[in-house]
């Protein structure tokens, strides 16, 4: 991904959590909102994950592990 695209992803992630400050979303759910008109692949989820880690201090984000139905686990991101 290019730096310009990373800027687009940063802006989109900031907008998501500004609009829904209590949201708890997985990387895939965030990627689906950032890239609404394209299939989500590992490339998109990796980019979103990298941006989330970069924005964590400035947005006050946290990542927690939650139980999924059936005993599986997933990580979700949200504001502290």
Foldseek 3Di string as FASTA:
>chain_A
DDPVLLVLLLVQVVVVCVVPQADWAALVVSLCSSCVPDDDDPVSSVSNVVSCVVCCVVQQKDWDWDADPPGDIGITIHHD
